[in-house]
């Protein structure tokens, strides 16, 4: 088994996963279903955080797996599989967001948030506000931020997967966090908890 370190953890690349990929490449329907089940949760989670809407996130996750299965023969076994899949998911979402941006939005997204949420704990309110703030960040910043903070890819891995210079990736992550903190501060929900933005 090969292990790929990532920010203090590892990307396991087992013989079972390699065999599963080979079976998917051969068109084995059972293997394809197993492959999708293996990565479904993380792909959906990234898509939802990128597009901010359940049904669109499901559509993007489905499109991602269609693209991944078709492209498995391009996957380089010397690179970890999961970051490659998540990058495809993020790119599909960015395509959707670029189309959505051309459609006028009737009301700012913040207007859909209730001013009074008595049933929510402070941590839940912050999580909701962070999610909304994230939707206002440029899609490339958002993708880099999520891959770094939520999916724990290193800057180098994100740079390799997105094909962007290392310095650019660091800038995107920093700008995403800075813009989110500014928006959250304007809405009065941080109260000195800026460090929690990257942990929600």
N, C-alpha and C. Protein backbone atom coordinates (compact mmCIF):
# COMPACT_ATOMS: atom_id res chain seq x y z
N UNK A 1 0.84 -1.20 0.00
CA UNK A 1 0.00 0.00 0.00
C UNK A 1 0.88 1.25 0.00
N UNK A 2 0.48 2.21 -0.82
CA UNK A 2 1.18 3.48 -0.86
C UNK A 2 0.40 4.50 -0.04
N UNK A 3 1.11 5.32 0.74
CA UNK A 3 0.45 6.35 1.53
C UNK A 3 1.00 7.71 1.12
N UNK A 4 0.09 8.66 0.92
CA UNK A 4 0.48 9.99 0.51
C UNK A 4 0.12 10.95 1.64
N UNK A 5 1.13 11.63 2.21
CA UNK A 5 0.89 12.51 3.34
C UNK A 5 0.17 13.77 2.89
N UNK A 6 -0.74 14.24 3.74
CA UNK A 6 -1.44 15.48 3.46
C UNK A 6 -1.70 16.22 4.75
N UNK A 7 -0.99 17.29 4.98
CA UNK A 7 -1.20 18.14 6.13
C UNK A 7 -1.32 17.34 7.42
N UNK A 8 -0.36 16.41 7.63
CA UNK A 8 -0.34 15.63 8.86
C UNK A 8 -1.13 14.34 8.77
N UNK A 9 -1.88 14.14 7.66
CA UNK A 9 -2.63 12.90 7.47
C UNK A 9 -2.06 12.18 6.25
N UNK A 10 -2.78 11.17 5.77
CA UNK A 10 -2.30 10.45 4.60
C UNK A 10 -3.43 10.26 3.61
N UNK A 11 -3.06 10.16 2.33
CA UNK A 11 -3.99 9.72 1.29
C UNK A 11 -3.70 8.24 1.06
N UNK A 12 -4.53 7.32 1.52
CA UNK A 12 -4.25 5.91 1.28
C UNK A 12 -4.58 5.53 -0.16
N UNK A 13 -3.65 4.88 -0.81
CA UNK A 13 -3.88 4.37 -2.15
C UNK A 13 -3.64 2.87 -2.09
N UNK A 14 -4.72 2.12 -1.85
CA UNK A 14 -4.61 0.69 -1.62
C UNK A 14 -4.74 -0.08 -2.93
N UNK A 15 -4.32 -1.33 -2.86
CA UNK A 15 -4.47 -2.20 -4.03
C UNK A 15 -5.95 -2.40 -4.34
N UNK A 16 -6.81 -2.36 -3.30
CA UNK A 16 -8.25 -2.50 -3.52
C UNK A 16 -8.79 -1.35 -4.36
N UNK A 17 -8.34 -0.13 -4.05
CA UNK A 17 -8.81 1.03 -4.81
C UNK A 17 -8.31 0.96 -6.25
N UNK A 18 -7.07 0.56 -6.41
CA UNK A 18 -6.52 0.43 -7.77
C UNK A 18 -7.29 -0.62 -8.56
N UNK A 19 -7.63 -1.73 -7.90
CA UNK A 19 -8.42 -2.77 -8.56
C UNK A 19 -9.80 -2.25 -8.92
N UNK A 20 -10.40 -1.49 -7.99
CA UNK A 20 -11.72 -0.92 -8.25
C UNK A 20 -11.68 0.02 -9.44
N UNK A 21 -10.64 0.82 -9.54
CA UNK A 21 -10.49 1.73 -10.67
C UNK A 21 -10.38 0.94 -11.97
N UNK A 22 -9.59 -0.13 -11.95
CA UNK A 22 -9.43 -0.96 -13.15
C UNK A 22 -10.77 -1.56 -13.57
N UNK A 23 -11.57 -1.99 -12.59
CA UNK A 23 -12.87 -2.57 -12.89
C UNK A 23 -13.82 -1.51 -13.47
N UNK A 24 -13.73 -0.31 -12.94
CA UNK A 24 -14.55 0.79 -13.48
C UNK A 24 -14.15 1.10 -14.91
N UNK A 25 -12.87 1.11 -15.16
CA UNK A 25 -12.39 1.36 -16.52
C UNK A 25 -12.90 0.31 -17.49
N UNK A 26 -13.08 -0.92 -16.98
CA UNK A 26 -13.56 -2.02 -17.81
C UNK A 26 -15.07 -2.00 -17.98
N UNK A 27 -15.73 -1.05 -17.32
CA UNK A 27 -17.18 -0.92 -17.47
C UNK A 27 -17.99 -1.78 -16.53
N UNK A 28 -17.40 -2.25 -15.44
CA UNK A 28 -18.11 -3.07 -14.46
C UNK A 28 -19.10 -2.20 -13.68
N UNK A 29 -20.41 -2.43 -13.89
CA UNK A 29 -21.44 -1.60 -13.26
C UNK A 29 -21.39 -1.67 -11.74
N UNK A 30 -21.15 -2.85 -11.21
CA UNK A 30 -21.08 -3.01 -9.76
C UNK A 30 -19.91 -2.22 -9.18
N UNK A 31 -18.79 -2.25 -9.86
CA UNK A 31 -17.61 -1.51 -9.41
C UNK A 31 -17.86 -0.01 -9.48
N UNK A 32 -18.54 0.43 -10.52
CA UNK A 32 -18.85 1.86 -10.67
C UNK A 32 -19.73 2.33 -9.53
N UNK A 33 -20.75 1.53 -9.17
CA UNK A 33 -21.61 1.90 -8.05
C UNK A 33 -20.82 1.96 -6.75
N UNK A 34 -19.93 1.00 -6.56
CA UNK A 34 -19.09 0.98 -5.35
C UNK A 34 -18.16 2.19 -5.32
N UNK A 35 -17.61 2.53 -6.46
CA UNK A 35 -16.71 3.68 -6.57
C UNK A 35 -17.46 4.97 -6.20
N UNK A 36 -18.65 5.12 -6.74
CA UNK A 36 -19.45 6.32 -6.46
C UNK A 36 -19.80 6.38 -4.98
N UNK A 37 -20.20 5.25 -4.41
CA UNK A 37 -20.54 5.22 -2.98
C UNK A 37 -19.35 5.62 -2.11
N UNK A 38 -18.16 5.26 -2.56
CA UNK A 38 -16.94 5.53 -1.80
C UNK A 38 -16.67 7.03 -1.66
N UNK A 39 -17.00 7.79 -2.70
CA UNK A 39 -16.67 9.22 -2.71
C UNK A 39 -17.90 10.13 -2.71
N UNK A 40 -19.09 9.55 -2.67
CA UNK A 40 -20.32 10.33 -2.81
C UNK A 40 -20.43 11.46 -1.78
N UNK A 41 -20.18 11.14 -0.52
CA UNK A 41 -20.40 12.12 0.55
C UNK A 41 -19.48 13.34 0.38
N UNK A 42 -18.20 13.10 0.15
CA UNK A 42 -17.26 14.21 0.05
C UNK A 42 -17.51 15.05 -1.20
N UNK A 43 -17.88 14.39 -2.29
CA UNK A 43 -18.16 15.14 -3.52
C UNK A 43 -19.40 16.01 -3.33
N UNK A 44 -20.45 15.42 -2.75
CA UNK A 44 -21.67 16.21 -2.52
C UNK A 44 -21.39 17.37 -1.57
N UNK A 45 -20.63 17.10 -0.51
CA UNK A 45 -20.33 18.15 0.48
C UNK A 45 -19.62 19.33 -0.18
N UNK A 46 -18.64 19.04 -1.04
CA UNK A 46 -17.93 20.11 -1.73
C UNK A 46 -18.88 20.86 -2.66
N UNK A 47 -19.69 20.12 -3.41
CA UNK A 47 -20.62 20.75 -4.35
C UNK A 47 -21.62 21.65 -3.63
N UNK A 48 -22.13 21.18 -2.50
CA UNK A 48 -23.10 21.98 -1.76
C UNK A 48 -22.47 23.27 -1.25
N UNK A 49 -21.24 23.16 -0.75
CA UNK A 49 -20.56 24.36 -0.25
C UNK A 49 -20.21 25.32 -1.39
N UNK A 50 -20.02 24.76 -2.58
CA UNK A 50 -19.70 25.61 -3.73
C UNK A 50 -20.94 26.31 -4.27
N UNK A 51 -22.05 25.57 -4.46
CA UNK A 51 -23.21 26.14 -5.14
C UNK A 51 -24.30 26.60 -4.17
N UNK A 52 -24.30 26.08 -2.93
CA UNK A 52 -25.20 26.57 -1.90
C UNK A 52 -26.64 26.13 -2.02
N UNK A 53 -26.93 25.14 -2.87
CA UNK A 53 -28.31 24.71 -3.05
C UNK A 53 -28.34 23.20 -3.24
N UNK A 54 -29.25 22.53 -2.52
CA UNK A 54 -29.24 21.07 -2.44
C UNK A 54 -29.39 20.40 -3.81
N UNK A 55 -30.42 20.79 -4.57
CA UNK A 55 -30.68 20.10 -5.84
C UNK A 55 -29.57 20.36 -6.85
N UNK A 56 -29.07 21.57 -6.89
CA UNK A 56 -27.96 21.86 -7.80
C UNK A 56 -26.71 21.11 -7.37
N UNK A 57 -26.50 20.97 -6.07
CA UNK A 57 -25.34 20.21 -5.58
C UNK A 57 -25.45 18.75 -5.99
N UNK A 58 -26.65 18.19 -5.91
CA UNK A 58 -26.85 16.80 -6.35
C UNK A 58 -26.57 16.66 -7.84
N UNK A 59 -27.05 17.63 -8.62
CA UNK A 59 -26.80 17.59 -10.07
C UNK A 59 -25.31 17.68 -10.36
N UNK A 60 -24.61 18.57 -9.66
CA UNK A 60 -23.18 18.72 -9.87
C UNK A 60 -22.41 17.46 -9.45
N UNK A 61 -22.85 16.83 -8.37
CA UNK A 61 -22.20 15.59 -7.93
C UNK A 61 -22.39 14.51 -8.99
N UNK A 62 -23.60 14.43 -9.54
CA UNK A 62 -23.86 13.43 -10.58
C UNK A 62 -23.01 13.71 -11.82
N UNK A 63 -22.95 14.97 -12.23
CA UNK A 63 -22.11 15.33 -13.38
C UNK A 63 -20.64 15.01 -13.10
N UNK A 64 -20.22 15.23 -11.87
CA UNK A 64 -18.84 14.95 -11.50
C UNK A 64 -18.52 13.49 -11.71
N UNK A 65 -19.37 12.60 -11.22
CA UNK A 65 -19.08 11.17 -11.33
C UNK A 65 -19.15 10.70 -12.78
N UNK A 66 -20.04 11.28 -13.57
CA UNK A 66 -20.06 10.94 -15.00
C UNK A 66 -18.72 11.31 -15.63
N UNK A 67 -18.23 12.52 -15.31
CA UNK A 67 -16.96 12.99 -15.86
C UNK A 67 -15.79 12.15 -15.34
N UNK A 68 -15.83 11.81 -14.05
CA UNK A 68 -14.74 11.04 -13.44
C UNK A 68 -14.65 9.65 -14.06
N UNK A 69 -15.79 8.97 -14.16
CA UNK A 69 -15.78 7.60 -14.72
C UNK A 69 -15.26 7.62 -16.15
N UNK A 70 -15.68 8.61 -16.92
CA UNK A 70 -15.22 8.71 -18.31
C UNK A 70 -13.74 9.02 -18.41
N UNK A 71 -13.20 9.67 -17.37
CA UNK A 71 -11.82 10.16 -17.42
C UNK A 71 -10.84 9.33 -16.61
N UNK A 72 -11.30 8.21 -16.05
CA UNK A 72 -10.42 7.42 -15.18
C UNK A 72 -9.15 6.96 -15.88
N UNK A 73 -9.23 6.77 -17.19
CA UNK A 73 -8.03 6.33 -17.91
C UNK A 73 -6.97 7.43 -17.95
N UNK A 74 -7.37 8.69 -17.61
CA UNK A 74 -6.40 9.78 -17.56
C UNK A 74 -5.77 9.93 -16.17
N UNK A 75 -6.34 9.26 -15.19
CA UNK A 75 -5.83 9.43 -13.82
C UNK A 75 -4.43 8.86 -13.69
N UNK A 76 -3.54 9.67 -13.12
CA UNK A 76 -2.15 9.29 -12.89
C UNK A 76 -2.04 8.61 -11.53
N UNK A 77 -1.68 7.34 -11.50
CA UNK A 77 -1.60 6.59 -10.24
C UNK A 77 -0.53 7.13 -9.31
N UNK A 78 0.35 7.96 -9.82
CA UNK A 78 1.36 8.56 -8.96
C UNK A 78 0.80 9.73 -8.15
N UNK A 79 -0.42 10.11 -8.45
CA UNK A 79 -1.07 11.19 -7.70
C UNK A 79 -2.29 10.63 -6.97
N UNK A 80 -2.62 11.20 -5.80
CA UNK A 80 -3.75 10.68 -5.03
C UNK A 80 -5.07 10.86 -5.79
N UNK A 81 -5.96 9.91 -5.60
CA UNK A 81 -7.21 9.88 -6.35
C UNK A 81 -8.23 10.91 -5.87
N UNK A 82 -8.39 11.01 -4.55
CA UNK A 82 -9.45 11.87 -4.02
C UNK A 82 -9.29 13.34 -4.40
N UNK A 83 -8.10 13.93 -4.30
CA UNK A 83 -7.96 15.33 -4.73
C UNK A 83 -8.32 15.53 -6.20
N UNK A 84 -7.99 14.55 -7.02
CA UNK A 84 -8.32 14.63 -8.44
C UNK A 84 -9.83 14.68 -8.64
N UNK A 85 -10.55 13.82 -7.91
CA UNK A 85 -12.01 13.79 -8.01
C UNK A 85 -12.61 15.10 -7.51
N UNK A 86 -12.12 15.58 -6.37
CA UNK A 86 -12.65 16.82 -5.80
C UNK A 86 -12.38 18.02 -6.70
N UNK A 87 -11.26 17.99 -7.40
CA UNK A 87 -10.96 19.09 -8.33
C UNK A 87 -11.95 19.10 -9.49
N UNK A 88 -12.28 17.92 -10.00
CA UNK A 88 -13.28 17.83 -11.07
C UNK A 88 -14.62 18.36 -10.56
N UNK A 89 -14.98 17.99 -9.34
CA UNK A 89 -16.24 18.47 -8.75
C UNK A 89 -16.24 19.99 -8.64
N UNK A 90 -15.15 20.55 -8.14
CA UNK A 90 -15.06 22.00 -8.01
C UNK A 90 -15.13 22.71 -9.35
N UNK A 91 -14.51 22.13 -10.35
CA UNK A 91 -14.53 22.75 -11.68
C UNK A 91 -15.92 22.72 -12.30
N UNK A 92 -16.66 21.60 -12.07
CA UNK A 92 -18.04 21.54 -12.57
C UNK A 92 -18.88 22.61 -11.90
N UNK A 93 -18.68 22.80 -10.61
CA UNK A 93 -19.43 23.82 -9.87
C UNK A 93 -19.10 25.22 -10.36
N UNK A 94 -17.84 25.46 -10.65
CA UNK A 94 -17.45 26.78 -11.14
C UNK A 94 -18.08 27.07 -12.50
N UNK A 95 -18.23 26.04 -13.32
CA UNK A 95 -18.91 26.22 -14.61
C UNK A 95 -20.36 26.62 -14.39
N UNK A 96 -21.02 25.94 -13.46
CA UNK A 96 -22.41 26.29 -13.14
C UNK A 96 -22.50 27.72 -12.60
N UNK A 97 -21.59 28.07 -11.71
CA UNK A 97 -21.63 29.40 -11.09
C UNK A 97 -21.40 30.51 -12.11
N UNK A 98 -20.57 30.23 -13.10
CA UNK A 98 -20.32 31.25 -14.13
C UNK A 98 -21.58 31.49 -14.96
N UNK A 99 -22.38 30.42 -15.17
CA UNK A 99 -23.65 30.58 -15.89
C UNK A 99 -24.67 31.28 -15.00
N UNK A 100 -24.69 30.91 -13.73
CA UNK A 100 -25.64 31.52 -12.80
C UNK A 100 -25.39 33.02 -12.65
N UNK A 101 -24.13 33.41 -12.71
CA UNK A 101 -23.76 34.82 -12.51
C UNK A 101 -24.39 35.71 -13.58
N UNK A 102 -24.69 35.12 -14.73
CA UNK A 102 -25.28 35.90 -15.81
C UNK A 102 -26.79 36.08 -15.63
N UNK A 103 -27.35 35.34 -14.64
CA UNK A 103 -28.78 35.49 -14.35
C UNK A 103 -28.96 36.47 -13.19
N UNK A 104 -29.81 37.49 -13.34
CA UNK A 104 -29.99 38.46 -12.24
C UNK A 104 -30.63 37.81 -11.03
N UNK A 105 -30.17 38.18 -9.85
CA UNK A 105 -30.72 37.68 -8.60
C UNK A 105 -31.64 38.75 -8.02
N UNK A 106 -32.88 38.37 -7.73
CA UNK A 106 -33.89 39.34 -7.31
C UNK A 106 -33.55 39.98 -5.98
N UNK A 107 -33.04 39.18 -5.04
CA UNK A 107 -32.77 39.68 -3.70
C UNK A 107 -31.39 39.21 -3.26
N UNK A 108 -30.68 40.02 -2.49
CA UNK A 108 -29.41 39.56 -1.94
C UNK A 108 -29.62 38.31 -1.12
N UNK A 109 -28.62 37.43 -1.12
CA UNK A 109 -28.77 36.15 -0.44
C UNK A 109 -29.00 36.33 1.05
N UNK A 110 -28.46 37.42 1.63
CA UNK A 110 -28.63 37.63 3.05
C UNK A 110 -30.08 37.86 3.44
N UNK A 111 -30.91 38.32 2.48
CA UNK A 111 -32.30 38.60 2.81
C UNK A 111 -33.09 37.33 3.08
N UNK A 112 -32.54 36.20 2.67
CA UNK A 112 -33.24 34.94 2.88
C UNK A 112 -32.97 34.37 4.27
N UNK A 113 -32.12 35.03 5.04
CA UNK A 113 -31.80 34.55 6.38
C UNK A 113 -32.69 35.27 7.38
N UNK A 114 -33.34 34.50 8.22
CA UNK A 114 -34.23 35.10 9.21
C UNK A 114 -33.42 35.89 10.22
N UNK A 115 -33.98 37.04 10.64
CA UNK A 115 -33.30 37.85 11.64
C UNK A 115 -33.36 37.21 13.02
N UNK A 116 -34.40 36.42 13.27
CA UNK A 116 -34.57 35.81 14.58
C UNK A 116 -34.56 34.30 14.41
N UNK A 117 -33.57 33.65 15.01
CA UNK A 117 -33.45 32.19 14.90
C UNK A 117 -33.32 31.60 16.30
N UNK A 118 -34.43 31.61 17.07
CA UNK A 118 -34.34 31.20 18.48
C UNK A 118 -33.98 29.73 18.67
N UNK A 119 -34.23 28.91 17.65
CA UNK A 119 -33.98 27.47 17.80
C UNK A 119 -32.54 27.08 17.51
N UNK A 120 -31.73 28.03 17.05
CA UNK A 120 -30.36 27.71 16.68
C UNK A 120 -29.38 28.16 17.75
N UNK A 121 -28.37 27.33 17.98
CA UNK A 121 -27.30 27.68 18.90
C UNK A 121 -26.34 28.65 18.20
N UNK A 122 -25.55 29.41 18.98
CA UNK A 122 -24.61 30.36 18.35
C UNK A 122 -23.69 29.71 17.32
N UNK A 123 -23.20 28.50 17.61
CA UNK A 123 -22.31 27.83 16.65
C UNK A 123 -23.05 27.50 15.36
N UNK A 124 -24.34 27.14 15.46
CA UNK A 124 -25.13 26.84 14.27
C UNK A 124 -25.40 28.09 13.45
N UNK A 125 -25.66 29.18 14.16
CA UNK A 125 -25.88 30.46 13.46
C UNK A 125 -24.62 30.87 12.72
N UNK A 126 -23.46 30.73 13.38
CA UNK A 126 -22.20 31.09 12.73
C UNK A 126 -21.96 30.21 11.51
N UNK A 127 -22.24 28.91 11.63
CA UNK A 127 -22.05 27.99 10.50
C UNK A 127 -22.93 28.41 9.32
N UNK A 128 -24.16 28.79 9.61
CA UNK A 128 -25.08 29.23 8.56
C UNK A 128 -24.59 30.51 7.91
N UNK A 129 -24.13 31.44 8.73
CA UNK A 129 -23.64 32.71 8.21
C UNK A 129 -22.37 32.52 7.38
N UNK A 130 -21.48 31.63 7.83
CA UNK A 130 -20.26 31.34 7.07
C UNK A 130 -20.62 30.75 5.72
N UNK A 131 -21.59 29.84 5.71
CA UNK A 131 -22.02 29.23 4.44
C UNK A 131 -22.53 30.31 3.48
N UNK A 132 -23.34 31.22 3.99
CA UNK A 132 -23.87 32.29 3.15
C UNK A 132 -22.76 33.23 2.67
N UNK A 133 -21.83 33.55 3.57
CA UNK A 133 -20.72 34.43 3.19
C UNK A 133 -19.86 33.77 2.11
N UNK A 134 -19.69 32.46 2.23
CA UNK A 134 -18.88 31.73 1.26
C UNK A 134 -19.48 31.81 -0.14
N UNK A 135 -20.82 31.86 -0.21
CA UNK A 135 -21.47 31.94 -1.52
C UNK A 135 -21.20 33.26 -2.23
N UNK A 136 -20.78 34.27 -1.49
CA UNK A 136 -20.52 35.59 -2.07
C UNK A 136 -19.08 35.75 -2.55
N UNK A 137 -18.24 34.77 -2.25
CA UNK A 137 -16.83 34.83 -2.63
C UNK A 137 -16.67 34.32 -4.06
N UNK A 138 -15.74 34.88 -4.80
CA UNK A 138 -15.48 34.42 -6.17
C UNK A 138 -15.26 32.92 -6.20
N UNK A 139 -15.74 32.28 -7.25
CA UNK A 139 -15.76 30.81 -7.29
C UNK A 139 -14.37 30.20 -7.18
N UNK A 140 -13.36 30.82 -7.78
CA UNK A 140 -12.02 30.23 -7.69
C UNK A 140 -11.47 30.36 -6.28
N UNK A 141 -11.78 31.47 -5.60
CA UNK A 141 -11.36 31.61 -4.20
C UNK A 141 -12.07 30.56 -3.35
N UNK A 142 -13.36 30.40 -3.61
CA UNK A 142 -14.17 29.45 -2.85
C UNK A 142 -13.65 28.02 -2.99
N UNK A 143 -13.33 27.64 -4.22
CA UNK A 143 -12.83 26.29 -4.46
C UNK A 143 -11.53 26.05 -3.71
N UNK A 144 -10.60 26.98 -3.82
CA UNK A 144 -9.31 26.83 -3.14
C UNK A 144 -9.50 26.80 -1.62
N UNK A 145 -10.36 27.67 -1.10
CA UNK A 145 -10.63 27.73 0.34
C UNK A 145 -11.18 26.39 0.84
N UNK A 146 -12.15 25.84 0.13
CA UNK A 146 -12.77 24.58 0.56
C UNK A 146 -11.79 23.41 0.47
N UNK A 147 -11.02 23.35 -0.60
CA UNK A 147 -10.05 22.26 -0.74
C UNK A 147 -9.00 22.33 0.36
N UNK A 148 -8.62 23.54 0.76
CA UNK A 148 -7.60 23.68 1.79
C UNK A 148 -8.16 23.46 3.19
N UNK A 149 -9.23 24.16 3.54
CA UNK A 149 -9.71 24.14 4.92
C UNK A 149 -10.63 22.96 5.24
N UNK A 150 -11.45 22.53 4.29
CA UNK A 150 -12.41 21.48 4.60
C UNK A 150 -11.95 20.10 4.13
N UNK A 151 -11.26 20.05 3.01
CA UNK A 151 -10.82 18.75 2.49
C UNK A 151 -9.33 18.51 2.74
N UNK A 152 -8.68 19.47 3.36
CA UNK A 152 -7.32 19.33 3.89
C UNK A 152 -6.26 19.01 2.84
N UNK A 153 -6.45 19.50 1.63
CA UNK A 153 -5.37 19.42 0.66
C UNK A 153 -4.34 20.47 1.01
N UNK A 154 -3.10 20.19 0.70
CA UNK A 154 -2.04 21.18 0.92
C UNK A 154 -2.08 22.21 -0.21
N UNK A 155 -1.41 23.34 0.01
CA UNK A 155 -1.31 24.34 -1.05
C UNK A 155 -0.69 23.74 -2.31
N UNK A 156 0.32 22.92 -2.11
CA UNK A 156 1.00 22.31 -3.27
C UNK A 156 0.05 21.41 -4.03
N UNK A 157 -0.73 20.59 -3.30
CA UNK A 157 -1.68 19.69 -3.97
C UNK A 157 -2.73 20.48 -4.75
N UNK A 158 -3.24 21.55 -4.15
CA UNK A 158 -4.23 22.36 -4.84
C UNK A 158 -3.62 23.00 -6.08
N UNK A 159 -2.40 23.47 -5.95
CA UNK A 159 -1.69 24.07 -7.08
C UNK A 159 -1.56 23.06 -8.22
N UNK A 160 -1.19 21.83 -7.88
CA UNK A 160 -1.03 20.79 -8.90
C UNK A 160 -2.36 20.44 -9.55
N UNK A 161 -3.40 20.32 -8.74
CA UNK A 161 -4.69 19.90 -9.27
C UNK A 161 -5.35 20.98 -10.12
N UNK A 162 -5.22 22.23 -9.71
CA UNK A 162 -5.86 23.32 -10.45
C UNK A 162 -4.97 23.89 -11.54
N UNK A 163 -3.70 23.47 -11.55
CA UNK A 163 -2.79 23.97 -12.57
C UNK A 163 -2.48 25.45 -12.43
N UNK A 164 -2.41 25.92 -11.18
CA UNK A 164 -2.13 27.32 -10.91
C UNK A 164 -0.87 27.43 -10.06
N UNK A 165 -0.14 28.56 -10.15
CA UNK A 165 1.07 28.72 -9.34
C UNK A 165 0.75 28.65 -7.85
N UNK A 166 1.72 28.18 -7.09
CA UNK A 166 1.55 28.04 -5.64
C UNK A 166 1.15 29.36 -4.99
N UNK A 167 1.80 30.44 -5.39
CA UNK A 167 1.50 31.74 -4.82
C UNK A 167 0.07 32.18 -5.09
N UNK A 168 -0.44 31.82 -6.27
CA UNK A 168 -1.82 32.16 -6.61
C UNK A 168 -2.80 31.45 -5.69
N UNK A 169 -2.55 30.17 -5.42
CA UNK A 169 -3.43 29.40 -4.54
C UNK A 169 -3.44 30.00 -3.14
N UNK A 170 -2.27 30.34 -2.63
CA UNK A 170 -2.20 30.95 -1.29
C UNK A 170 -2.98 32.26 -1.26
N UNK A 171 -2.86 33.04 -2.33
CA UNK A 171 -3.57 34.31 -2.41
C UNK A 171 -5.07 34.09 -2.42
N UNK A 172 -5.53 33.10 -3.21
CA UNK A 172 -6.97 32.82 -3.29
C UNK A 172 -7.53 32.43 -1.93
N UNK A 173 -6.83 31.54 -1.22
CA UNK A 173 -7.31 31.09 0.09
C UNK A 173 -7.36 32.28 1.06
N UNK A 174 -6.31 33.09 1.04
CA UNK A 174 -6.25 34.26 1.93
C UNK A 174 -7.37 35.25 1.60
N UNK A 175 -7.60 35.50 0.32
CA UNK A 175 -8.63 36.46 -0.06
C UNK A 175 -10.02 35.94 0.29
N UNK A 176 -10.24 34.64 0.10
CA UNK A 176 -11.54 34.07 0.46
C UNK A 176 -11.83 34.29 1.94
N UNK A 177 -10.84 33.97 2.77
CA UNK A 177 -11.03 34.13 4.21
C UNK A 177 -11.21 35.60 4.58
N UNK A 178 -10.42 36.46 3.98
CA UNK A 178 -10.51 37.89 4.29
C UNK A 178 -11.88 38.46 3.90
N UNK A 179 -12.37 38.08 2.71
CA UNK A 179 -13.67 38.58 2.26
C UNK A 179 -14.80 38.04 3.13
N UNK A 180 -14.70 36.78 3.54
CA UNK A 180 -15.73 36.21 4.39
C UNK A 180 -15.76 36.90 5.75
N UNK A 181 -14.59 37.15 6.31
CA UNK A 181 -14.52 37.83 7.61
C UNK A 181 -15.13 39.23 7.50
N UNK A 182 -14.85 39.91 6.39
CA UNK A 182 -15.40 41.26 6.20
C UNK A 182 -16.92 41.22 6.14
N UNK A 183 -17.46 40.25 5.39
CA UNK A 183 -18.92 40.15 5.27
C UNK A 183 -19.56 39.77 6.60
N UNK A 184 -18.94 38.84 7.31
CA UNK A 184 -19.48 38.40 8.59
C UNK A 184 -19.40 39.52 9.63
N UNK A 185 -18.34 40.30 9.57
CA UNK A 185 -18.20 41.42 10.49
C UNK A 185 -19.30 42.46 10.23
N UNK A 186 -19.60 42.69 8.95
CA UNK A 186 -20.66 43.64 8.61
C UNK A 186 -22.01 43.19 9.16
N UNK A 187 -22.20 41.88 9.23
CA UNK A 187 -23.47 41.34 9.74
C UNK A 187 -23.44 41.13 11.25
N UNK A 188 -22.31 41.44 11.88
CA UNK A 188 -22.22 41.40 13.33
C UNK A 188 -22.29 40.03 13.95
N UNK A 189 -21.75 39.01 13.26
CA UNK A 189 -21.87 37.65 13.79
C UNK A 189 -20.54 37.06 14.27
N UNK A 190 -19.44 37.79 14.11
CA UNK A 190 -18.14 37.21 14.47
C UNK A 190 -17.81 37.41 15.94
N UNK A 191 -17.88 38.65 16.41
CA UNK A 191 -17.60 38.95 17.81
C UNK A 191 -16.25 38.38 18.26
N UNK A 192 -15.21 38.68 17.48
CA UNK A 192 -13.87 38.23 17.83
C UNK A 192 -13.58 36.78 17.53
N UNK A 193 -14.44 36.11 16.77
CA UNK A 193 -14.25 34.68 16.48
C UNK A 193 -13.77 34.47 15.04
N UNK A 194 -12.92 35.36 14.55
CA UNK A 194 -12.47 35.26 13.16
C UNK A 194 -11.82 33.92 12.85
N UNK A 195 -11.09 33.35 13.82
CA UNK A 195 -10.40 32.09 13.57
C UNK A 195 -11.36 30.95 13.32
N UNK A 196 -12.62 31.10 13.73
CA UNK A 196 -13.59 30.03 13.54
C UNK A 196 -14.07 29.94 12.10
N UNK A 197 -13.80 30.95 11.30
CA UNK A 197 -14.25 30.93 9.91
C UNK A 197 -13.70 29.72 9.19
N UNK A 198 -12.47 29.38 9.42
CA UNK A 198 -11.86 28.26 8.68
C UNK A 198 -12.19 26.92 9.31
N UNK A 199 -12.85 26.92 10.47
CA UNK A 199 -13.15 25.65 11.12
C UNK A 199 -14.61 25.23 10.96
N UNK A 200 -15.43 26.10 10.38
CA UNK A 200 -16.85 25.79 10.26
C UNK A 200 -17.10 24.97 9.02
